[in-house]
Amino acid sequence: IRSQLETELECSAAEVGRLKAELAAAEKDHKAITDAVNALGR
């Protein structure tokens, strides 16, 4: 059971890392788009 849980924990940690990187990229894109909209609409 401990071995299975540790395997799941490693998979979960990898998924969390992937999602954090994806979120950071999405936030960067969102900021760039927001800045562009503000610059055009200023």
All heavy atoms as atom14 arrays in JSON, in Angstrom:
{
  "sequence": "IRSQLETELECSAAEVGRLKAELAAAEKDHKAITDAVNALGR",
  "atom14_mask": [
    [1, 1, 1, 1, 1, 1, 1, 1, 0, 0, 0, 0, 0, 0],
    [1, 1, 1, 1, 1, 1, 1, 1, 1, 1, 1, 0, 0, 0],
    [1, 1, 1, 1, 1, 1, 0, 0, 0, 0, 0, 0, 0, 0],
    [1, 1, 1, 1, 1, 1, 1, 1, 1, 0, 0, 0, 0, 0],
    [1, 1, 1, 1, 1, 1, 1, 1, 0, 0, 0, 0, 0, 0],
    [1, 1, 1, 1, 1, 1, 1, 1, 1, 0, 0, 0, 0, 0],
    [1, 1, 1, 1, 1, 1, 1, 0, 0, 0, 0, 0, 0, 0],
    [1, 1, 1, 1, 1, 1, 1, 1, 1, 0, 0, 0, 0, 0],
    [1, 1, 1, 1, 1, 1, 1, 1, 0, 0, 0, 0, 0, 0],
    [1, 1, 1, 1, 1, 1, 1, 1, 1, 0, 0, 0, 0, 0],
    [1, 1, 1, 1, 1, 1, 0, 0, 0, 0, 0, 0, 0, 0],
    [1, 1, 1, 1, 1, 1, 0, 0, 0, 0, 0, 0, 0, 0],
    [1, 1, 1, 1, 1, 0, 0, 0, 0, 0, 0, 0, 0, 0],
    [1, 1, 1, 1, 1, 0, 0, 0, 0, 0, 0, 0, 0, 0],
    [1, 1, 1, 1, 1, 1, 1, 1, 1, 0, 0, 0, 0, 0],
    [1, 1, 1, 1, 1, 1, 1, 0, 0, 0, 0, 0, 0, 0],
    [1, 1, 1, 1, 0, 0, 0, 0, 0, 0, 0, 0, 0, 0],
    [1, 1, 1, 1, 1, 1, 1, 1, 1, 1, 1, 0, 0, 0],
    [1, 1, 1, 1, 1, 1, 1, 1, 0, 0, 0, 0, 0, 0],
    [1, 1, 1, 1, 1, 1, 1, 1, 1, 0, 0, 0, 0, 0],
    [1, 1, 1, 1, 1, 0, 0, 0, 0, 0, 0, 0, 0, 0],
    [1, 1, 1, 1, 1, 1, 1, 1, 1, 0, 0, 0, 0, 0],
    [1, 1, 1, 1, 1, 1, 1, 1, 0, 0, 0, 0, 0, 0],
    [1, 1, 1, 1, 1, 0, 0, 0, 0, 0, 0, 0, 0, 0],
    [1, 1, 1, 1, 1, 0, 0, 0, 0, 0, 0, 0, 0, 0],
    [1, 1, 1, 1, 1, 0, 0, 0, 0, 0, 0, 0, 0, 0],
    [1, 1, 1, 1, 1, 1, 1, 1, 1, 0, 0, 0, 0, 0],
    [1, 1, 1, 1, 1, 1, 1, 1, 1, 0, 0, 0, 0, 0],
    [1, 1, 1, 1, 1, 1, 1, 1, 0, 0, 0, 0, 0, 0],
    [1, 1, 1, 1, 1, 1, 1, 1, 1, 1, 0, 0, 0, 0],
    [1, 1, 1, 1, 1, 1, 1, 1, 1, 0, 0, 0, 0, 0],
    [1, 1, 1, 1, 1, 0, 0, 0, 0, 0, 0, 0, 0, 0],
    [1, 1, 1, 1, 1, 1, 1, 1, 0, 0, 0, 0, 0, 0],
    [1, 1, 1, 1, 1, 1, 1, 0, 0, 0, 0, 0, 0, 0],
    [1, 1, 1, 1, 1, 1, 1, 1, 0, 0, 0, 0, 0, 0],
    [1, 1, 1, 1, 1, 0, 0, 0, 0, 0, 0, 0, 0, 0],
    [1, 1, 1, 1, 1, 1, 1, 0, 0, 0, 0, 0, 0, 0],
    [1, 1, 1, 1, 1, 1, 1, 1, 0, 0, 0, 0, 0, 0],
    [1, 1, 1, 1, 1, 0, 0, 0, 0, 0, 0, 0, 0, 0],
    [1, 1, 1, 1, 1, 1, 1, 1, 0, 0, 0, 0, 0, 0],
    [1, 1, 1, 1, 0, 0, 0, 0, 0, 0, 0, 0, 0, 0],
    [1, 1, 1, 1, 1, 1, 1, 1, 1, 1, 1, 0, 0, 0]
  ],
  "atom14_positions": [
    [[0.85, -1.2, 0.0], [0.0, 0.0, 0.0], [0.89, 1.25, 0.0], [0.64, 2.2, -0.75], [-0.97, -0.02, 1.2], [-1.99, -1.15, 1.04], [-1.67, 1.33, 1.35], [-2.86, -1.39, 2.25], [0.0, 0.0, 0.0], [0.0, 0.0, 0.0], [0.0, 0.0, 0.0], [0.0, 0.0, 0.0], [0.0, 0.0, 0.0], [0.0, 0.0, 0.0]],
    [[1.92, 1.24, 0.87], [2.83, 2.38, 0.93], [3.51, 2.59, -0.42], [3.62, 3.72, -0.91], [3.89, 2.16, 2.01], [4.9, 3.33, 2.02], [5.96, 3.22, 3.09], [5.33, 3.5, 4.36], [5.57, 2.82, 5.48], [6.43, 1.82, 5.48], [4.96, 3.12, 6.6], [0.0, 0.0, 0.0], [0.0, 0.0, 0.0], [0.0, 0.0, 0.0]],
    [[3.94, 1.55, -1.08], [4.61, 1.63, -2.38], [3.66, 2.21, -3.44], [4.05, 3.05, -4.24], [5.09, 0.24, -2.8], [5.68, 0.29, -4.06], [0.0, 0.0, 0.0], [0.0, 0.0, 0.0], [0.0, 0.0, 0.0], [0.0, 0.0, 0.0], [0.0, 0.0, 0.0], [0.0, 0.0, 0.0], [0.0, 0.0, 0.0], [0.0, 0.0, 0.0]],
    [[2.39, 1.75, -3.41], [1.4, 2.26, -4.37], [1.14, 3.76, -4.12], [1.04, 4.55, -5.06], [0.1, 1.49, -4.27], [0.16, 0.09, -4.86], [-1.15, -0.67, -4.63], [-1.99, -0.29, -3.82], [-1.29, -1.78, -5.36], [0.0, 0.0, 0.0], [0.0, 0.0, 0.0], [0.0, 0.0, 0.0], [0.0, 0.0, 0.0], [0.0, 0.0, 0.0]],
    [[1.03, 4.12, -2.84], [0.78, 5.53, -2.51], [1.97, 6.42, -2.91], [1.79, 7.54, -3.4], [0.48, 5.68, -1.02], [-0.88, 5.18, -0.55], [-0.99, 5.24, 0.97], [-2.0, 5.99, -1.2], [0.0, 0.0, 0.0], [0.0, 0.0, 0.0], [0.0, 0.0, 0.0], [0.0, 0.0, 0.0], [0.0, 0.0, 0.0], [0.0, 0.0, 0.0]],
    [[3.19, 5.94, -2.7], [4.37, 6.71, -3.08], [4.43, 6.9, -4.6], [4.77, 7.97, -5.09], [5.65, 6.03, -2.58], [5.83, 6.19, -1.08], [7.0, 5.4, -0.5], [7.59, 4.57, -1.24], [7.32, 5.59, 0.67], [0.0, 0.0, 0.0], [0.0, 0.0, 0.0], [0.0, 0.0, 0.0], [0.0, 0.0, 0.0], [0.0, 0.0, 0.0]],
    [[4.04, 5.88, -5.35], [3.98, 5.97, -6.82], [2.94, 7.0, -7.23], [3.18, 7.84, -8.11], [3.65, 4.59, -7.44], [4.65, 3.65, -7.03], [3.62, 4.67, -8.94], [0.0, 0.0, 0.0], [0.0, 0.0, 0.0], [0.0, 0.0, 0.0], [0.0, 0.0, 0.0], [0.0, 0.0, 0.0], [0.0, 0.0, 0.0], [0.0, 0.0, 0.0]],
    [[1.78, 6.96, -6.58], [0.72, 7.93, -6.88], [1.17, 9.35, -6.5], [0.86, 10.31, -7.2], [-0.57, 7.57, -6.15], [-1.31, 6.4, -6.76], [-2.63, 6.1, -6.07], [-3.34, 7.08, -5.71], [-2.93, 4.92, -5.89], [0.0, 0.0, 0.0], [0.0, 0.0, 0.0], [0.0, 0.0, 0.0], [0.0, 0.0, 0.0], [0.0, 0.0, 0.0]],
    [[1.89, 9.46, -5.38], [2.39, 10.76, -4.93], [3.37, 11.35, -5.96], [3.3, 12.53, -6.29], [3.06, 10.63, -3.57], [3.56, 11.93, -2.92], [2.4, 12.89, -2.68], [4.27, 11.62, -1.62], [0.0, 0.0, 0.0], [0.0, 0.0, 0.0], [0.0, 0.0, 0.0], [0.0, 0.0, 0.0], [0.0, 0.0, 0.0], [0.0, 0.0, 0.0]],
    [[4.26, 10.52, -6.49], [5.2, 10.97, -7.51], [4.47, 11.43, -8.77], [4.79, 12.46, -9.34], [6.19, 9.85, -7.86], [7.21, 9.58, -6.77], [8.09, 8.37, -7.09], [8.11, 7.91, -8.25], [8.75, 7.88, -6.17], [0.0, 0.0, 0.0], [0.0, 0.0, 0.0], [0.0, 0.0, 0.0], [0.0, 0.0, 0.0], [0.0, 0.0, 0.0]],
    [[3.47, 10.65, -9.19], [2.68, 11.01, -10.37], [1.93, 12.32, -10.12], [1.86, 13.19, -11.0], [1.7, 9.9, -10.73], [2.49, 8.42, -11.39], [0.0, 0.0, 0.0], [0.0, 0.0, 0.0], [0.0, 0.0, 0.0], [0.0, 0.0, 0.0], [0.0, 0.0, 0.0], [0.0, 0.0, 0.0], [0.0, 0.0, 0.0], [0.0, 0.0, 0.0]],
    [[1.38, 12.44, -8.93], [0.64, 13.64, -8.57], [1.56, 14.86, -8.55], [1.19, 15.93, -9.04], [-0.02, 13.44, -7.2], [-0.65, 14.63, -6.79], [0.0, 0.0, 0.0], [0.0, 0.0, 0.0], [0.0, 0.0, 0.0], [0.0, 0.0, 0.0], [0.0, 0.0, 0.0], [0.0, 0.0, 0.0], [0.0, 0.0, 0.0], [0.0, 0.0, 0.0]],
    [[2.75, 14.71, -8.0], [3.71, 15.82, -7.95], [4.11, 16.23, -9.36], [4.22, 17.44, -9.66], [4.94, 15.42, -7.13], [0.0, 0.0, 0.0], [0.0, 0.0, 0.0], [0.0, 0.0, 0.0], [0.0, 0.0, 0.0], [0.0, 0.0, 0.0], [0.0, 0.0, 0.0], [0.0, 0.0, 0.0], [0.0, 0.0, 0.0], [0.0, 0.0, 0.0]],
    [[4.31, 15.26, -10.24], [4.66, 15.57, -11.63], [3.51, 16.32, -12.31], [3.73, 17.29, -13.05], [4.99, 14.29, -12.39], [0.0, 0.0, 0.0], [0.0, 0.0, 0.0], [0.0, 0.0, 0.0], [0.0, 0.0, 0.0], [0.0, 0.0, 0.0], [0.0, 0.0, 0.0], [0.0, 0.0, 0.0], [0.0, 0.0, 0.0], [0.0, 0.0, 0.0]],
    [[2.28, 15.9, -12.06], [1.1, 16.56, -12.63], [0.96, 17.98, -12.1], [0.67, 18.91, -12.85], [-0.16, 15.75, -12.32], [-1.44, 16.32, -12.88], [-1.56, 16.22, -14.4], [-0.7, 15.61, -15.04], [-2.53, 16.78, -14.92], [0.0, 0.0, 0.0], [0.0, 0.0, 0.0], [0.0, 0.0, 0.0], [0.0, 0.0, 0.0], [0.0, 0.0, 0.0]],
    [[1.21, 18.17, -10.8], [1.15, 19.51, -10.21], [2.2, 20.4, -10.86], [1.91, 21.56, -11.23], [1.35, 19.44, -8.67], [1.62, 20.81, -8.09], [0.13, 18.81, -8.01], [0.0, 0.0, 0.0], [0.0, 0.0, 0.0], [0.0, 0.0, 0.0], [0.0, 0.0, 0.0], [0.0, 0.0, 0.0], [0.0, 0.0, 0.0], [0.0, 0.0, 0.0]],
    [[3.4, 19.91, -11.05], [4.46, 20.69, -11.69], [4.09, 21.07, -13.12], [4.3, 22.22, -13.54], [0.0, 0.0, 0.0], [0.0, 0.0, 0.0], [0.0, 0.0, 0.0], [0.0, 0.0, 0.0], [0.0, 0.0, 0.0], [0.0, 0.0, 0.0], [0.0, 0.0, 0.0], [0.0, 0.0, 0.0], [0.0, 0.0, 0.0], [0.0, 0.0, 0.0]],
    [[3.54, 20.13, -13.87], [3.13, 20.4, -15.24], [2.04, 21.46, -15.28], [2.07, 22.39, -16.08], [2.63, 19.11, -15.91], [2.28, 19.26, -17.39], [1.61, 18.03, -17.96], [0.29, 17.76, -17.4], [-0.81, 18.45, -17.71], [-0.77, 19.45, -18.53], [-1.97, 18.12, -17.16], [0.0, 0.0, 0.0], [0.0, 0.0, 0.0], [0.0, 0.0, 0.0]],
    [[1.05, 21.34, -14.37], [-0.05, 22.29, -14.34], [0.41, 23.69, -13.9], [-0.08, 24.71, -14.42], [-1.18, 21.78, -13.43], [-1.95, 20.57, -13.96], [-2.9, 20.04, -12.89], [-2.71, 20.92, -15.22], [0.0, 0.0, 0.0], [0.0, 0.0, 0.0], [0.0, 0.0, 0.0], [0.0, 0.0, 0.0], [0.0, 0.0, 0.0], [0.0, 0.0, 0.0]],
    [[1.37, 23.76, -12.97], [1.91, 25.06, -12.55], [2.61, 25.74, -13.72], [2.46, 26.95, -13.92], [2.87, 24.89, -11.37], [2.19, 24.69, -10.05], [3.2, 24.6, -8.92], [2.52, 24.43, -7.57], [3.49, 24.34, -6.47], [0.0, 0.0, 0.0], [0.0, 0.0, 0.0], [0.0, 0.0, 0.0], [0.0, 0.0, 0.0], [0.0, 0.0, 0.0]],
    [[3.39, 24.97, -14.49], [4.07, 25.54, -15.65], [3.06, 26.02, -16.69], [3.21, 27.09, -17.28], [5.02, 24.51, -16.26], [0.0, 0.0, 0.0], [0.0, 0.0, 0.0], [0.0, 0.0, 0.0], [0.0, 0.0, 0.0], [0.0, 0.0, 0.0], [0.0, 0.0, 0.0], [0.0, 0.0, 0.0], [0.0, 0.0, 0.0], [0.0, 0.0, 0.0]],
    [[2.01, 25.24, -16.88], [0.96, 25.62, -17.84], [0.24, 26.88, -17.36], [-0.06, 27.78, -18.15], [-0.04, 24.45, -17.98], [-0.98, 24.59, -19.14], [-1.86, 23.36, -19.31], [-1.35, 22.22, -19.16], [-3.06, 23.55, -19.59], [0.0, 0.0, 0.0], [0.0, 0.0, 0.0], [0.0, 0.0, 0.0], [0.0, 0.0, 0.0], [0.0, 0.0, 0.0]],
    [[-0.04, 26.96, -16.06], [-0.69, 28.13, -15.5], [0.19, 29.37, -15.66], [-0.28, 30.44, -16.04], [-1.02, 27.92, -14.01], [-1.6, 29.12, -13.26], [-2.94, 29.54, -13.87], [-1.77, 28.8, -11.79], [0.0, 0.0, 0.0], [0.0, 0.0, 0.0], [0.0, 0.0, 0.0], [0.0, 0.0, 0.0], [0.0, 0.0, 0.0], [0.0, 0.0, 0.0]],
    [[1.48, 29.23, -15.38], [2.4, 30.37, -15.52], [2.43, 30.87, -16.96], [2.4, 32.08, -17.21], [3.81, 29.98, -15.06], [0.0, 0.0, 0.0], [0.0, 0.0, 0.0], [0.0, 0.0, 0.0], [0.0, 0.0, 0.0], [0.0, 0.0, 0.0], [0.0, 0.0, 0.0], [0.0, 0.0, 0.0], [0.0, 0.0, 0.0], [0.0, 0.0, 0.0]],
    [[2.44, 29.95, -17.92], [2.44, 30.34, -19.33], [1.12, 31.04, -19.69], [1.12, 32.05, -20.4], [2.65, 29.12, -20.22], [0.0, 0.0, 0.0], [0.0, 0.0, 0.0], [0.0, 0.0, 0.0], [0.0, 0.0, 0.0], [0.0, 0.0, 0.0], [0.0, 0.0, 0.0], [0.0, 0.0, 0.0], [0.0, 0.0, 0.0], [0.0, 0.0, 0.0]],
    [[0.0, 30.52, -19.18], [-1.3, 31.13, -19.46], [-1.39, 32.51, -18.83], [-1.92, 33.45, -19.44], [-2.42, 30.23, -18.93], [0.0, 0.0, 0.0], [0.0, 0.0, 0.0], [0.0, 0.0, 0.0], [0.0, 0.0, 0.0], [0.0, 0.0, 0.0], [0.0, 0.0, 0.0], [0.0, 0.0, 0.0], [0.0, 0.0, 0.0], [0.0, 0.0, 0.0]],
    [[-0.86, 32.69, -17.62], [-0.87, 34.0, -16.96], [0.0, 35.0, -17.73], [-0.37, 36.17, -17.88], [-0.39, 33.88, -15.51], [-1.43, 33.25, -14.6], [-0.94, 33.03, -13.19], [0.29, 32.93, -12.97], [-1.79, 32.97, -12.28], [0.0, 0.0, 0.0], [0.0, 0.0, 0.0], [0.0, 0.0, 0.0], [0.0, 0.0, 0.0], [0.0, 0.0, 0.0]],
    [[1.13, 34.54, -18.24], [2.01, 35.41, -19.03], [1.29, 35.87, -20.3], [1.32, 37.05, -20.65], [3.3, 34.67, -19.37], [4.3, 35.49, -20.13], [5.56, 34.69, -20.39], [6.54, 35.5, -21.23], [7.71, 34.72, -21.61], [0.0, 0.0, 0.0], [0.0, 0.0, 0.0], [0.0, 0.0, 0.0], [0.0, 0.0, 0.0], [0.0, 0.0, 0.0]],
    [[0.63, 34.93, -20.99], [-0.13, 35.27, -22.19], [-1.26, 36.25, -21.86], [-1.5, 37.21, -22.59], [-0.72, 34.01, -22.84], [0.34, 33.12, -23.48], [1.47, 33.59, -23.67], [0.01, 31.95, -23.78], [0.0, 0.0, 0.0], [0.0, 0.0, 0.0], [0.0, 0.0, 0.0], [0.0, 0.0, 0.0], [0.0, 0.0, 0.0], [0.0, 0.0, 0.0]],
    [[-1.95, 35.98, -20.76], [-3.06, 36.84, -20.34], [-2.56, 38.27, -20.08], [-3.19, 39.24, -20.51], [-3.72, 36.26, -19.08], [-4.84, 37.1, -18.55], [-6.07, 37.16, -19.15], [-4.89, 37.94, -17.49], [-6.84, 37.99, -18.47], [-6.15, 38.48, -17.45], [0.0, 0.0, 0.0], [0.0, 0.0, 0.0], [0.0, 0.0, 0.0], [0.0, 0.0, 0.0]],
    [[-1.43, 38.4, -19.4], [-0.87, 39.72, -19.12], [-0.49, 40.44, -20.41], [-0.77, 41.63, -20.58], [0.34, 39.62, -18.21], [0.89, 41.0, -17.82], [2.15, 40.89, -17.0], [2.72, 42.22, -16.59], [2.63, 43.31, -17.5], [0.0, 0.0, 0.0], [0.0, 0.0, 0.0], [0.0, 0.0, 0.0], [0.0, 0.0, 0.0], [0.0, 0.0, 0.0]],
    [[0.12, 39.72, -21.35], [0.51, 40.34, -22.62], [-0.71, 40.83, -23.39], [-0.71, 41.94, -23.95], [1.31, 39.35, -23.46], [0.0, 0.0, 0.0], [0.0, 0.0, 0.0], [0.0, 0.0, 0.0], [0.0, 0.0, 0.0], [0.0, 0.0, 0.0], [0.0, 0.0, 0.0], [0.0, 0.0, 0.0], [0.0, 0.0, 0.0], [0.0, 0.0, 0.0]],
    [[-1.76, 40.05, -23.39], [-2.99, 40.43, -24.09], [-3.64, 41.62, -23.39], [-4.09, 42.57, -24.04], [-3.96, 39.23, -24.2], [-3.35, 38.16, -25.11], [-5.32, 39.67, -24.71], [-4.07, 36.82, -25.06], [0.0, 0.0, 0.0], [0.0, 0.0, 0.0], [0.0, 0.0, 0.0], [0.0, 0.0, 0.0], [0.0, 0.0, 0.0], [0.0, 0.0, 0.0]],
    [[-3.68, 41.58, -22.07], [-4.25, 42.69, -21.3], [-3.48, 43.98, -21.56], [-4.08, 45.04, -21.79], [-4.23, 42.37, -19.79], [-4.99, 41.19, -19.56], [-4.79, 43.51, -18.96], [0.0, 0.0, 0.0], [0.0, 0.0, 0.0], [0.0, 0.0, 0.0], [0.0, 0.0, 0.0], [0.0, 0.0, 0.0], [0.0, 0.0, 0.0], [0.0, 0.0, 0.0]],
    [[-2.15, 43.9, -21.57], [-1.33, 45.08, -21.85], [-1.6, 45.62, -23.25], [-1.68, 46.83, -23.46], [0.16, 44.75, -21.7], [0.56, 44.51, -20.25], [-0.24, 44.82, -19.34], [1.68, 43.99, -20.04], [0.0, 0.0, 0.0], [0.0, 0.0, 0.0], [0.0, 0.0, 0.0], [0.0, 0.0, 0.0], [0.0, 0.0, 0.0], [0.0, 0.0, 0.0]],
    [[-1.75, 44.72, -24.22], [-2.03, 45.15, -25.59], [-3.39, 45.84, -25.69], [-3.53, 46.88, -26.33], [-1.97, 43.95, -26.53], [0.0, 0.0, 0.0], [0.0, 0.0, 0.0], [0.0, 0.0, 0.0], [0.0, 0.0, 0.0], [0.0, 0.0, 0.0], [0.0, 0.0, 0.0], [0.0, 0.0, 0.0], [0.0, 0.0, 0.0], [0.0, 0.0, 0.0]],
    [[-4.39, 45.27, -25.03], [-5.73, 45.87, -25.04], [-5.69, 47.24, -24.39], [-6.25, 48.21, -24.92], [-6.76, 44.95, -24.33], [-8.06, 45.67, -24.08], [-7.0, 43.69, -25.16], [0.0, 0.0, 0.0], [0.0, 0.0, 0.0], [0.0, 0.0, 0.0], [0.0, 0.0, 0.0], [0.0, 0.0, 0.0], [0.0, 0.0, 0.0], [0.0, 0.0, 0.0]],
    [[-5.02, 47.35, -23.26], [-4.92, 48.64, -22.57], [-4.18, 49.67, -23.41], [-4.56, 50.84, -23.44], [-4.24, 48.48, -21.21], [-5.12, 47.78, -20.21], [-6.33, 47.74, -20.35], [-4.5, 47.2, -19.2], [0.0, 0.0, 0.0], [0.0, 0.0, 0.0], [0.0, 0.0, 0.0], [0.0, 0.0, 0.0], [0.0, 0.0, 0.0], [0.0, 0.0, 0.0]],
    [[-3.13, 49.24, -24.1], [-2.37, 50.17, -24.93], [-3.21, 50.68, -26.09], [-3.15, 51.86, -26.44], [-1.1, 49.5, -25.46], [0.0, 0.0, 0.0], [0.0, 0.0, 0.0], [0.0, 0.0, 0.0], [0.0, 0.0, 0.0], [0.0, 0.0, 0.0], [0.0, 0.0, 0.0], [0.0, 0.0, 0.0], [0.0, 0.0, 0.0], [0.0, 0.0, 0.0]],
    [[-4.0, 49.83, -26.68], [-4.84, 50.24, -27.81], [-6.03, 51.06, -27.37], [-6.5, 51.92, -28.11], [-5.32, 49.01, -28.58], [-4.24, 48.25, -29.33], [-4.81, 46.97, -29.93], [-3.61, 49.12, -30.41], [0.0, 0.0, 0.0], [0.0, 0.0, 0.0], [0.0, 0.0, 0.0], [0.0, 0.0, 0.0], [0.0, 0.0, 0.0], [0.0, 0.0, 0.0]],
    [[-6.51, 50.81, -26.18], [-7.71, 51.49, -25.72], [-7.44, 52.67, -24.82], [-8.36, 53.32, -24.36], [0.0, 0.0, 0.0], [0.0, 0.0, 0.0], [0.0, 0.0, 0.0], [0.0, 0.0, 0.0], [0.0, 0.0, 0.0], [0.0, 0.0, 0.0], [0.0, 0.0, 0.0], [0.0, 0.0, 0.0], [0.0, 0.0, 0.0], [0.0, 0.0, 0.0]],
    [[-6.17, 52.99, -24.6], [-5.82, 54.06, -23.67], [-6.26, 55.41, -24.24], [-6.03, 55.72, -25.39], [-4.31, 54.07, -23.44], [-3.9, 55.03, -22.35], [-2.44, 54.92, -22.03], [-2.14, 53.55, -21.65], [-0.99, 52.95, -21.9], [-0.04, 53.59, -22.52], [-0.77, 51.71, -21.53], [0.0, 0.0, 0.0], [0.0, 0.0, 0.0], [0.0, 0.0, 0.0]]
  ]
}
